[in-house]
């Protein structure tokens, strides 16, 4: 079963150019790890200083997939760079970086 996941976060105005530059060429090891974890069709959109991500997950254990991604040393280095550019959205649970959004409607 494919799950659709959407999340949001802010980006620091003074770090916007750096964040966009980082995403011009995402490190191949980072994208490979996402793919290995069952993540596909991953997109990040921007409106002003708000980021919106969307991806699809093919698997039974999303939390396990997130843990698999998080244990990767290259991804950890990537996150050090990108997390410094981001601002957590009010209501984001402790220990989370992006705020997960509830799906309201979908059309195939």
PDB file of N, CA and C in Angstrom:
ATOM      1  N   UNK A   1       0.831  -1.174   0.000  1.00  0.00           N
ATOM      2  CA  UNK A   1       0.000   0.000   0.000  1.00  0.00           C
ATOM      3  C   UNK A   1       0.886   1.252   0.000  1.00  0.00           C
ATOM      4  N   UNK A   2       0.554   2.208  -0.817  1.00  0.00           N
ATOM      5  CA  UNK A   2       1.290   3.464  -0.870  1.00  0.00           C
ATOM      6  C   UNK A   2       0.636   4.481   0.047  1.00  0.00           C
ATOM      7  N   UNK A   3       1.457   5.095   0.892  1.00  0.00           N
ATOM      8  CA  UNK A   3       0.986   6.181   1.762  1.00  0.00           C
ATOM      9  C   UNK A   3       1.513   7.496   1.215  1.00  0.00           C
ATOM     10  N   UNK A   4       0.695   8.522   1.236  1.00  0.00           N
ATOM     11  CA  UNK A   4       1.091   9.871   0.843  1.00  0.00           C
ATOM     12  C   UNK A   4       1.383  10.655   2.115  1.00  0.00           C
ATOM     13  N   UNK A   5       2.557  11.287   2.166  1.00  0.00           N
ATOM     14  CA  UNK A   5       2.980  12.011   3.356  1.00  0.00           C
ATOM     15  C   UNK A   5       3.270  13.458   2.962  1.00  0.00           C
ATOM     16  N   UNK A   6       2.733  14.402   3.722  1.00  0.00           N
ATOM     17  CA  UNK A   6       3.006  15.825   3.513  1.00  0.00           C
ATOM     18  C   UNK A   6       3.478  16.430   4.828  1.00  0.00           C
ATOM     19  N   UNK A   7       4.457  17.329   4.730  1.00  0.00           N
ATOM     20  CA  UNK A   7       5.012  17.979   5.915  1.00  0.00           C
ATOM     21  C   UNK A   7       5.337  19.430   5.580  1.00  0.00           C
ATOM     22  N   UNK A   8       5.490  20.236   6.630  1.00  0.00           N
ATOM     23  CA  UNK A   8       5.858  21.631   6.432  1.00  0.00           C
ATOM     24  C   UNK A   8       6.875  22.070   7.473  1.00  0.00           C
ATOM     25  N   UNK A   9       7.621  23.105   7.109  1.00  0.00           N
ATOM     26  CA  UNK A   9       8.622  23.712   7.985  1.00  0.00           C
ATOM     27  C   UNK A   9       8.926  25.085   7.421  1.00  0.00           C
ATOM     28  N   UNK A  10       9.494  25.949   8.239  1.00  0.00           N
ATOM     29  CA  UNK A  10       9.929  27.254   7.761  1.00  0.00           C
ATOM     30  C   UNK A  10      11.402  27.222   7.383  1.00  0.00           C
ATOM     31  N   UNK A  11      11.818  28.228   6.647  1.00  0.00           N
ATOM     32  CA  UNK A  11      13.235  28.383   6.319  1.00  0.00           C
ATOM     33  C   UNK A  11      13.657  29.777   6.781  1.00  0.00           C
ATOM     34  N   UNK A  12      14.836  29.860   7.391  1.00  0.00           N
ATOM     35  CA  UNK A  12      15.337  31.143   7.877  1.00  0.00           C
ATOM     36  C   UNK A  12      15.645  32.049   6.686  1.00  0.00           C
ATOM     37  N   UNK A  13      15.149  33.271   6.736  1.00  0.00           N
ATOM     38  CA  UNK A  13      15.334  34.195   5.617  1.00  0.00           C
ATOM     39  C   UNK A  13      16.808  34.354   5.257  1.00  0.00           C
ATOM     40  N   UNK A  14      17.662  34.462   6.261  1.00  0.00           N
ATOM     41  CA  UNK A  14      19.089  34.656   6.006  1.00  0.00           C
ATOM     42  C   UNK A  14      19.772  33.381   5.484  1.00  0.00           C
ATOM     43  N   UNK A  15      19.090  32.241   5.541  1.00  0.00           N
ATOM     44  CA  UNK A  15      19.634  30.965   5.084  1.00  0.00           C
ATOM     45  C   UNK A  15      18.934  30.442   3.835  1.00  0.00           C
ATOM     46  N   UNK A  16      17.983  31.216   3.293  1.00  0.00           N
ATOM     47  CA  UNK A  16      17.204  30.747   2.144  1.00  0.00           C
ATOM     48  C   UNK A  16      18.097  30.406   0.954  1.00  0.00           C
ATOM     49  N   UNK A  17      19.013  31.289   0.590  1.00  0.00           N
ATOM     50  CA  UNK A  17      19.882  31.026  -0.564  1.00  0.00           C
ATOM     51  C   UNK A  17      20.719  29.769  -0.347  1.00  0.00           C
ATOM     52  N   UNK A  18      21.221  29.583   0.875  1.00  0.00           N
ATOM     53  CA  UNK A  18      22.006  28.378   1.186  1.00  0.00           C
ATOM     54  C   UNK A  18      21.152  27.120   1.055  1.00  0.00           C
ATOM     55  N   UNK A  19      19.932  27.175   1.575  1.00  0.00           N
ATOM     56  CA  UNK A  19      19.041  26.020   1.499  1.00  0.00           C
ATOM     57  C   UNK A  19      18.744  25.662   0.047  1.00  0.00           C
ATOM     58  N   UNK A  20      18.442  26.670  -0.761  1.00  0.00           N
ATOM     59  CA  UNK A  20      18.157  26.423  -2.177  1.00  0.00           C
ATOM     60  C   UNK A  20      19.392  25.883  -2.897  1.00  0.00           C
ATOM     61  N   UNK A  21      20.559  26.419  -2.565  1.00  0.00           N
ATOM     62  CA  UNK A  21      21.804  25.932  -3.185  1.00  0.00           C
ATOM     63  C   UNK A  21      22.046  24.464  -2.827  1.00  0.00           C
ATOM     64  N   UNK A  22      21.847  24.108  -1.579  1.00  0.00           N
ATOM     65  CA  UNK A  22      22.023  22.717  -1.162  1.00  0.00           C
ATOM     66  C   UNK A  22      21.123  21.784  -1.963  1.00  0.00           C
ATOM     67  N   UNK A  23      19.923  22.237  -2.262  1.00  0.00           N
ATOM     68  CA  UNK A  23      18.960  21.375  -2.948  1.00  0.00           C
ATOM     69  C   UNK A  23      19.078  21.403  -4.472  1.00  0.00           C
ATOM     70  N   UNK A  24      20.002  22.192  -4.995  1.00  0.00           N
ATOM     71  CA  UNK A  24      20.261  22.138  -6.441  1.00  0.00           C
ATOM     72  C   UNK A  24      20.814  20.770  -6.826  1.00  0.00           C
ATOM     73  N   UNK A  25      21.634  20.198  -5.947  1.00  0.00           N
ATOM     74  CA  UNK A  25      22.189  18.856  -6.160  1.00  0.00           C
ATOM     75  C   UNK A  25      22.239  18.157  -4.804  1.00  0.00           C
ATOM     76  N   UNK A  26      21.169  17.463  -4.483  1.00  0.00           N
ATOM     77  CA  UNK A  26      21.129  16.703  -3.223  1.00  0.00           C
ATOM     78  C   UNK A  26      22.140  15.567  -3.330  1.00  0.00           C
ATOM     79  N   UNK A  27      22.871  15.325  -2.255  1.00  0.00           N
ATOM     80  CA  UNK A  27      23.914  14.307  -2.266  1.00  0.00           C
ATOM     81  C   UNK A  27      23.355  12.952  -2.685  1.00  0.00           C
ATOM     82  N   UNK A  28      24.027  12.279  -3.616  1.00  0.00           N
ATOM     83  CA  UNK A  28      23.535  10.980  -4.111  1.00  0.00           C
ATOM     84  C   UNK A  28      23.335   9.938  -3.006  1.00  0.00           C
ATOM     85  N   UNK A  29      24.199   9.919  -1.994  1.00  0.00           N
ATOM     86  CA  UNK A  29      24.032   8.948  -0.908  1.00  0.00           C
ATOM     87  C   UNK A  29      22.751   9.217  -0.120  1.00  0.00           C
ATOM     88  N   UNK A  30      22.362  10.479  -0.010  1.00  0.00           N
ATOM     89  CA  UNK A  30      21.128  10.835   0.699  1.00  0.00           C
ATOM     90  C   UNK A  30      19.922  10.346  -0.091  1.00  0.00           C
ATOM     91  N   UNK A  31      19.913  10.613  -1.392  1.00  0.00           N
ATOM     92  CA  UNK A  31      18.769  10.169  -2.199  1.00  0.00           C
ATOM     93  C   UNK A  31      18.709   8.646  -2.283  1.00  0.00           C
ATOM     94  N   UNK A  32      19.876   8.000  -2.321  1.00  0.00           N
ATOM     95  CA  UNK A  32      19.900   6.531  -2.361  1.00  0.00           C
ATOM     96  C   UNK A  32      19.299   5.951  -1.087  1.00  0.00           C
ATOM     97  N   UNK A  33      19.615   6.558   0.056  1.00  0.00           N
ATOM     98  CA  UNK A  33      19.092   6.062   1.331  1.00  0.00           C
ATOM     99  C   UNK A  33      17.566   6.220   1.387  1.00  0.00           C
ATOM    100  N   UNK A  34      17.073   7.351   0.906  1.00  0.00           N
ATOM    101  CA  UNK A  34      15.624   7.561   0.853  1.00  0.00           C
ATOM    102  C   UNK A  34      14.957   6.485   0.003  1.00  0.00           C
ATOM    103  N   UNK A  35      15.542   6.217  -1.156  1.00  0.00           N
ATOM    104  CA  UNK A  35      14.988   5.207  -2.056  1.00  0.00           C
ATOM    105  C   UNK A  35      15.014   3.828  -1.401  1.00  0.00           C
ATOM    106  N   UNK A  36      16.141   3.494  -0.756  1.00  0.00           N
ATOM    107  CA  UNK A  36      16.246   2.202  -0.058  1.00  0.00           C
ATOM    108  C   UNK A  36      15.184   2.057   1.018  1.00  0.00           C
ATOM    109  N   UNK A  37      14.796   3.167   1.629  1.00  0.00           N
ATOM    110  CA  UNK A  37      13.819   3.145   2.712  1.00  0.00           C
ATOM    111  C   UNK A  37      12.381   3.042   2.204  1.00  0.00           C
ATOM    112  N   UNK A  38      12.201   3.118   0.881  1.00  0.00           N
ATOM    113  CA  UNK A  38      10.851   3.012   0.325  1.00  0.00           C
ATOM    114  C   UNK A  38      10.201   4.352   0.031  1.00  0.00           C
ATOM    115  N   UNK A  39      10.991   5.435   0.105  1.00  0.00           N
ATOM    116  CA  UNK A  39      10.485   6.778  -0.186  1.00  0.00           C
ATOM    117  C   UNK A  39      10.595   7.010  -1.685  1.00  0.00           C
ATOM    118  N   UNK A  40       9.531   7.538  -2.289  1.00  0.00           N
ATOM    119  CA  UNK A  40       9.589   7.859  -3.714  1.00  0.00           C
ATOM    120  C   UNK A  40       8.714   9.086  -3.973  1.00  0.00           C
ATOM    121  N   UNK A  41       8.870   9.616  -5.169  1.00  0.00           N
ATOM    122  CA  UNK A  41       8.081  10.775  -5.590  1.00  0.00           C
ATOM    123  C   UNK A  41       8.185  11.901  -4.562  1.00  0.00           C
ATOM    124  N   UNK A  42       9.418  12.171  -4.104  1.00  0.00           N
ATOM    125  CA  UNK A  42       9.678  13.164  -3.059  1.00  0.00           C
ATOM    126  C   UNK A  42       9.862  14.534  -3.707  1.00  0.00           C
ATOM    127  N   UNK A  43       9.110  15.499  -3.231  1.00  0.00           N
ATOM    128  CA  UNK A  43       9.192  16.867  -3.742  1.00  0.00           C
ATOM    129  C   UNK A  43       9.134  17.835  -2.570  1.00  0.00           C
ATOM    130  N   UNK A  44       9.922  18.907  -2.648  1.00  0.00           N
ATOM    131  CA  UNK A  44       9.816  20.005  -1.686  1.00  0.00           C
ATOM    132  C   UNK A  44       9.421  21.251  -2.474  1.00  0.00           C
ATOM    133  N   UNK A  45       8.362  21.905  -2.016  1.00  0.00           N
ATOM    134  CA  UNK A  45       7.878  23.145  -2.614  1.00  0.00           C
ATOM    135  C   UNK A  45       8.188  24.295  -1.656  1.00  0.00           C
ATOM    136  N   UNK A  46       8.230  25.517  -2.191  1.00  0.00           N
ATOM    137  CA  UNK A  46       8.470  26.694  -1.355  1.00  0.00           C
ATOM    138  C   UNK A  46       7.469  27.789  -1.690  1.00  0.00           C
ATOM    139  N   UNK A  47       6.939  28.415  -0.655  1.00  0.00           N
ATOM    140  CA  UNK A  47       6.129  29.630  -0.793  1.00  0.00           C
ATOM    141  C   UNK A  47       6.702  30.624   0.204  1.00  0.00           C
ATOM    142  N   UNK A  48       7.409  31.631  -0.279  1.00  0.00           N
ATOM    143  CA  UNK A  48       8.067  32.566   0.628  1.00  0.00           C
ATOM    144  C   UNK A  48       9.058  31.817   1.500  1.00  0.00           C
ATOM    145  N   UNK A  49       8.853  31.870   2.790  1.00  0.00           N
ATOM    146  CA  UNK A  49       9.746  31.194   3.737  1.00  0.00           C
ATOM    147  C   UNK A  49       9.133  29.919   4.306  1.00  0.00           C
ATOM    148  N   UNK A  50       8.111  29.407   3.639  1.00  0.00           N
ATOM    149  CA  UNK A  50       7.466  28.170   4.053  1.00  0.00           C
ATOM    150  C   UNK A  50       7.816  27.062   3.061  1.00  0.00           C
ATOM    151  N   UNK A  51       8.254  25.933   3.589  1.00  0.00           N
ATOM    152  CA  UNK A  51       8.543  24.759   2.775  1.00  0.00           C
ATOM    153  C   UNK A  51       7.445  23.724   2.992  1.00  0.00           C
ATOM    154  N   UNK A  52       7.101  23.031   1.932  1.00  0.00           N
ATOM    155  CA  UNK A  52       6.098  21.975   1.966  1.00  0.00           C
ATOM    156  C   UNK A  52       6.705  20.770   1.259  1.00  0.00           C
ATOM    157  N   UNK A  53       6.740  19.644   1.927  1.00  0.00           N
ATOM    158  CA  UNK A  53       7.267  18.433   1.291  1.00  0.00           C
ATOM    159  C   UNK A  53       6.145  17.418   1.090  1.00  0.00           C
ATOM    160  N   UNK A  54       6.305  16.659   0.031  1.00  0.00           N
ATOM    161  CA  UNK A  54       5.370  15.586  -0.288  1.00  0.00           C
ATOM    162  C   UNK A  54       6.192  14.401  -0.752  1.00  0.00           C
ATOM    163  N   UNK A  55       5.854  13.223  -0.236  1.00  0.00           N
ATOM    164  CA  UNK A  55       6.465  11.997  -0.750  1.00  0.00           C
ATOM    165  C   UNK A  55       5.507  10.843  -0.567  1.00  0.00           C
ATOM    166  N   UNK A  56       5.828   9.761  -1.241  1.00  0.00           N
ATOM    167  CA  UNK A  56       5.038   8.540  -1.115  1.00  0.00           C
ATOM    168  C   UNK A  56       5.920   7.473  -0.499  1.00  0.00           C
ATOM    169  N   UNK A  57       5.305   6.647   0.328  1.00  0.00           N
ATOM    170  CA  UNK A  57       6.019   5.573   1.016  1.00  0.00           C
ATOM    171  C   UNK A  57       5.396   4.245   0.644  1.00  0.00           C
ATOM    172  N   UNK A  58       6.219   3.341   0.155  1.00  0.00           N
ATOM    173  CA  UNK A  58       5.785   1.984  -0.166  1.00  0.00           C
ATOM    174  C   UNK A  58       6.360   1.053   0.887  1.00  0.00           C
ATOM    175  N   UNK A  59       5.560   0.693   1.839  1.00  0.00           N
ATOM    176  CA  UNK A  59       6.024  -0.194   2.900  1.00  0.00           C
ATOM    177  C   UNK A  59       5.011  -0.255   4.014  1.00  0.00           C
ATOM    178  N   UNK A  60       5.341  -1.042   5.027  1.00  0.00           N
ATOM    179  CA  UNK A  60       4.434  -1.246   6.151  1.00  0.00           C
ATOM    180  C   UNK A  60       4.857  -0.499   7.414  1.00  0.00           C
ATOM    181  N   UNK A  61       6.117  -0.026   7.456  1.00  0.00           N
ATOM    182  CA  UNK A  61       6.657   0.544   8.687  1.00  0.00           C
ATOM    183  C   UNK A  61       7.331   1.881   8.404  1.00  0.00           C
ATOM    184  N   UNK A  62       6.546   2.952   8.390  1.00  0.00           N
ATOM    185  CA  UNK A  62       7.102   4.275   8.109  1.00  0.00           C
ATOM    186  C   UNK A  62       8.085   4.701   9.192  1.00  0.00           C
ATOM    187  N   UNK A  63       7.762   4.461  10.450  1.00  0.00           N
ATOM    188  CA  UNK A  63       8.678   4.825  11.545  1.00  0.00           C
ATOM    189  C   UNK A  63      10.007   4.079  11.411  1.00  0.00           C
ATOM    190  N   UNK A  64       9.939   2.804  11.015  1.00  0.00           N
ATOM    191  CA  UNK A  64      11.159   2.031  10.790  1.00  0.00           C
ATOM    192  C   UNK A  64      11.967   2.580   9.627  1.00  0.00           C
ATOM    193  N   UNK A  65      11.268   3.018   8.592  1.00  0.00           N
ATOM    194  CA  UNK A  65      11.944   3.627   7.439  1.00  0.00           C
ATOM    195  C   UNK A  65      12.635   4.915   7.857  1.00  0.00           C
ATOM    196  N   UNK A  66      11.953   5.738   8.658  1.00  0.00           N
ATOM    197  CA  UNK A  66      12.568   6.971   9.153  1.00  0.00           C
ATOM    198  C   UNK A  66      13.801   6.661  10.003  1.00  0.00           C
ATOM    199  N   UNK A  67      13.730   5.630  10.836  1.00  0.00           N
ATOM    200  CA  UNK A  67      14.881   5.242  11.661  1.00  0.00           C
ATOM    201  C   UNK A  67      16.036   4.766  10.787  1.00  0.00           C
ATOM    202  N   UNK A  68      15.742   4.009   9.750  1.00  0.00           N
ATOM    203  CA  UNK A  68      16.756   3.536   8.803  1.00  0.00           C
ATOM    204  C   UNK A  68      17.466   4.726   8.148  1.00  0.00           C
ATOM    205  N   UNK A  69      16.701   5.724   7.745  1.00  0.00           N
ATOM    206  CA  UNK A  69      17.276   6.918   7.134  1.00  0.00           C
ATOM    207  C   UNK A  69      18.139   7.658   8.155  1.00  0.00           C
ATOM    208  N   UNK A  70      17.627   7.817   9.368  1.00  0.00           N
ATOM    209  CA  UNK A  70      18.306   8.600  10.407  1.00  0.00           C
ATOM    210  C   UNK A  70      19.612   7.981  10.876  1.00  0.00           C
ATOM    211  N   UNK A  71      19.770   6.671  10.732  1.00  0.00           N
ATOM    212  CA  UNK A  71      21.011   6.039  11.206  1.00  0.00           C
ATOM    213  C   UNK A  71      22.151   6.173  10.202  1.00  0.00           C
ATOM    214  N   UNK A  72      21.888   6.714   9.031  1.00  0.00           N
ATOM    215  CA  UNK A  72      22.899   6.864   7.989  1.00  0.00           C
ATOM    216  C   UNK A  72      23.804   8.066   8.276  1.00  0.00           C
ATOM    217  N   UNK A  73      25.134   7.865   8.411  1.00  0.00           N
ATOM    218  CA  UNK A  73      26.045   8.974   8.728  1.00  0.00           C
ATOM    219  C   UNK A  73      26.049  10.086   7.672  1.00  0.00           C
ATOM    220  N   UNK A  74      25.916   9.743   6.400  1.00  0.00           N
ATOM    221  CA  UNK A  74      25.904  10.777   5.356  1.00  0.00           C
ATOM    222  C   UNK A  74      24.649  11.625   5.483  1.00  0.00           C
ATOM    223  N   UNK A  75      23.513  10.991   5.720  1.00  0.00           N
ATOM    224  CA  UNK A  75      22.263  11.733   5.910  1.00  0.00           C
ATOM    225  C   UNK A  75      22.353  12.617   7.149  1.00  0.00           C
ATOM    226  N   UNK A  76      22.987  12.135   8.191  1.00  0.00           N
ATOM    227  CA  UNK A  76      23.166  12.946   9.396  1.00  0.00           C
ATOM    228  C   UNK A  76      23.961  14.213   9.096  1.00  0.00           C
ATOM    229  N   UNK A  77      24.999  14.098   8.270  1.00  0.00           N
ATOM    230  CA  UNK A  77      25.786  15.270   7.865  1.00  0.00           C
ATOM    231  C   UNK A  77      24.945  16.222   7.023  1.00  0.00           C
ATOM    232  N   UNK A  78      24.129  15.669   6.120  1.00  0.00           N
ATOM    233  CA  UNK A  78      23.236  16.482   5.298  1.00  0.00           C
ATOM    234  C   UNK A  78      22.265  17.260   6.188  1.00  0.00           C
ATOM    235  N   UNK A  79      21.703  16.585   7.170  1.00  0.00           N
ATOM    236  CA  UNK A  79      20.743  17.229   8.067  1.00  0.00           C
ATOM    237  C   UNK A  79      21.386  18.352   8.880  1.00  0.00           C
ATOM    238  N   UNK A  80      22.659  18.198   9.257  1.00  0.00           N
ATOM    239  CA  UNK A  80      23.336  19.285   9.983  1.00  0.00           C
ATOM    240  C   UNK A  80      23.313  20.561   9.151  1.00  0.00           C
ATOM    241  N   UNK A  81      23.503  20.432   7.850  1.00  0.00           N
ATOM    242  CA  UNK A  81      23.495  21.598   6.957  1.00  0.00           C
ATOM    243  C   UNK A  81      22.090  22.141   6.749  1.00  0.00           C
ATOM    244  N   UNK A  82      21.139  21.248   6.468  1.00  0.00           N
ATOM    245  CA  UNK A  82      19.789  21.713   6.155  1.00  0.00           C
ATOM    246  C   UNK A  82      19.024  22.152   7.404  1.00  0.00           C
ATOM    247  N   UNK A  83      19.197  21.435   8.517  1.00  0.00           N
ATOM    248  CA  UNK A  83      18.479  21.803   9.745  1.00  0.00           C
ATOM    249  C   UNK A  83      18.847  23.206  10.207  1.00  0.00           C
ATOM    250  N   UNK A  84      20.093  23.614   9.980  1.00  0.00           N
ATOM    251  CA  UNK A  84      20.529  24.958  10.376  1.00  0.00           C
ATOM    252  C   UNK A  84      19.808  26.046   9.583  1.00  0.00           C
ATOM    253  N   UNK A  85      19.238  25.691   8.455  1.00  0.00           N
ATOM    254  CA  UNK A  85      18.511  26.639   7.603  1.00  0.00           C
ATOM    255  C   UNK A  85      17.028  26.701   7.942  1.00  0.00           C
ATOM    256  N   UNK A  86      16.556  25.766   8.743  1.00  0.00           N
ATOM    257  CA  UNK A  86      15.118  25.600   8.938  1.00  0.00           C
ATOM    258  C   UNK A  86      14.634  26.163  10.270  1.00  0.00           C
ATOM    259  N   UNK A  87      13.338  26.478  10.309  1.00  0.00           N
ATOM    260  CA  UNK A  87      12.655  26.928  11.516  1.00  0.00           C
ATOM    261  C   UNK A  87      11.462  26.013  11.717  1.00  0.00           C
ATOM    262  N   UNK A  88      11.429  25.324  12.847  1.00  0.00           N
ATOM    263  CA  UNK A  88      10.312  24.423  13.131  1.00  0.00           C
ATOM    264  C   UNK A  88       9.011  25.216  13.227  1.00  0.00           C
ATOM    265  N   UNK A  89       7.945  24.648  12.715  1.00  0.00           N
ATOM    266  CA  UNK A  89       6.624  25.255  12.744  1.00  0.00           C
ATOM    267  C   UNK A  89       5.994  25.008  14.113  1.00  0.00           C
ATOM    268  N   UNK A  90       5.265  26.009  14.605  1.00  0.00           N
ATOM    269  CA  UNK A  90       4.573  25.846  15.881  1.00  0.00           C
ATOM    270  C   UNK A  90       3.701  24.597  15.842  1.00  0.00           C
ATOM    271  N   UNK A  91       3.784  23.804  16.891  1.00  0.00           N
ATOM    272  CA  UNK A  91       3.000  22.579  16.968  1.00  0.00           C
ATOM    273  C   UNK A  91       3.769  21.341  16.546  1.00  0.00           C
ATOM    274  N   UNK A  92       5.011  21.517  16.068  1.00  0.00           N
ATOM    275  CA  UNK A  92       5.824  20.356  15.689  1.00  0.00           C
ATOM    276  C   UNK A  92       6.183  19.585  16.963  1.00  0.00           C
ATOM    277  N   UNK A  93       5.932  18.281  16.998  1.00  0.00           N
ATOM    278  CA  UNK A  93       6.237  17.498  18.206  1.00  0.00           C
ATOM    279  C   UNK A  93       7.724  17.521  18.558  1.00  0.00           C
ATOM    280  N   UNK A  94       8.009  17.451  19.846  1.00  0.00           N
ATOM    281  CA  UNK A  94       9.395  17.355  20.294  1.00  0.00           C
ATOM    282  C   UNK A  94      10.077  16.187  19.592  1.00  0.00           C
ATOM    283  N   UNK A  95      11.304  16.400  19.183  1.00  0.00           N
ATOM    284  CA  UNK A  95      12.064  15.353  18.519  1.00  0.00           C
ATOM    285  C   UNK A  95      11.838  15.289  17.021  1.00  0.00           C
ATOM    286  N   UNK A  96      10.912  16.071  16.514  1.00  0.00           N
ATOM    287  CA  UNK A  96      10.636  16.108  15.074  1.00  0.00           C
ATOM    288  C   UNK A  96      11.146  17.432  14.505  1.00  0.00           C
ATOM    289  N   UNK A  97      11.540  17.420  13.239  1.00  0.00           N
ATOM    290  CA  UNK A  97      11.972  18.637  12.569  1.00  0.00           C
ATOM    291  C   UNK A  97      10.832  19.231  11.741  1.00  0.00           C
ATOM    292  N   UNK A  98      10.214  18.406  10.918  1.00  0.00           N
ATOM    293  CA  UNK A  98       9.096  18.833  10.064  1.00  0.00           C
ATOM    294  C   UNK A  98       7.779  18.488  10.749  1.00  0.00           C
ATOM    295  N   UNK A  99       6.763  19.301  10.523  1.00  0.00           N
ATOM    296  CA  UNK A  99       5.425  19.040  11.047  1.00  0.00           C
ATOM    297  C   UNK A  99       4.636  18.243  10.019  1.00  0.00           C
ATOM    298  N   UNK A 100       4.191  17.050  10.400  1.00  0.00           N
ATOM    299  CA  UNK A 100       3.379  16.214   9.509  1.00  0.00           C
ATOM    300  C   UNK A 100       1.991  16.825   9.376  1.00  0.00           C
ATOM    301  N   UNK A 101       1.454  16.802   8.161  1.00  0.00           N
ATOM    302  CA  UNK A 101       0.136  17.355   7.883  1.00  0.00           C
ATOM    303  C   UNK A 101      -0.871  16.232   7.685  1.00  0.00           C
ATOM    304  N   UNK A 102      -2.098  16.481   8.053  1.00  0.00           N
ATOM    305  CA  UNK A 102      -3.164  15.501   7.852  1.00  0.00           C
ATOM    306  C   UNK A 102      -3.710  15.610   6.434  1.00  0.00           C
ATOM    307  N   UNK A 103      -3.893  14.480   5.800  1.00  0.00           N
ATOM    308  CA  UNK A 103      -4.500  14.471   4.477  1.00  0.00           C
ATOM    309  C   UNK A 103      -6.000  14.738   4.600  1.00  0.00           C
ATOM    310  N   UNK A 104      -6.495  15.663   3.805  1.00  0.00           N
ATOM    311  CA  UNK A 104      -7.899  16.035   3.840  1.00  0.00           C
ATOM    312  C   UNK A 104      -8.645  15.451   2.659  1.00  0.00           C
ATOM    313  N   UNK A 105      -8.008  15.429   1.480  1.00  0.00           N
ATOM    314  CA  UNK A 105      -8.690  14.966   0.277  1.00  0.00           C
ATOM    315  C   UNK A 105      -7.649  14.531  -0.737  1.00  0.00           C
ATOM    316  N   UNK A 106      -8.023  13.565  -1.578  1.00  0.00           N
ATOM    317  CA  UNK A 106      -7.118  13.062  -2.619  1.00  0.00           C
ATOM    318  C   UNK A 106      -7.928  12.620  -3.829  1.00  0.00           C
ATOM    319  N   UNK A 107      -7.382  12.875  -5.011  1.00  0.00           N
ATOM    320  CA  UNK A 107      -7.979  12.419  -6.259  1.00  0.00           C
ATOM    321  C   UNK A 107      -6.918  11.688  -7.048  1.00  0.00           C
ATOM    322  N   UNK A 108      -7.187  10.433  -7.400  1.00  0.00           N
ATOM    323  CA  UNK A 108      -6.282   9.672  -8.265  1.00  0.00           C
ATOM    324  C   UNK A 108      -6.616   9.968  -9.700  1.00  0.00           C
TER     325      UNK A 108
END
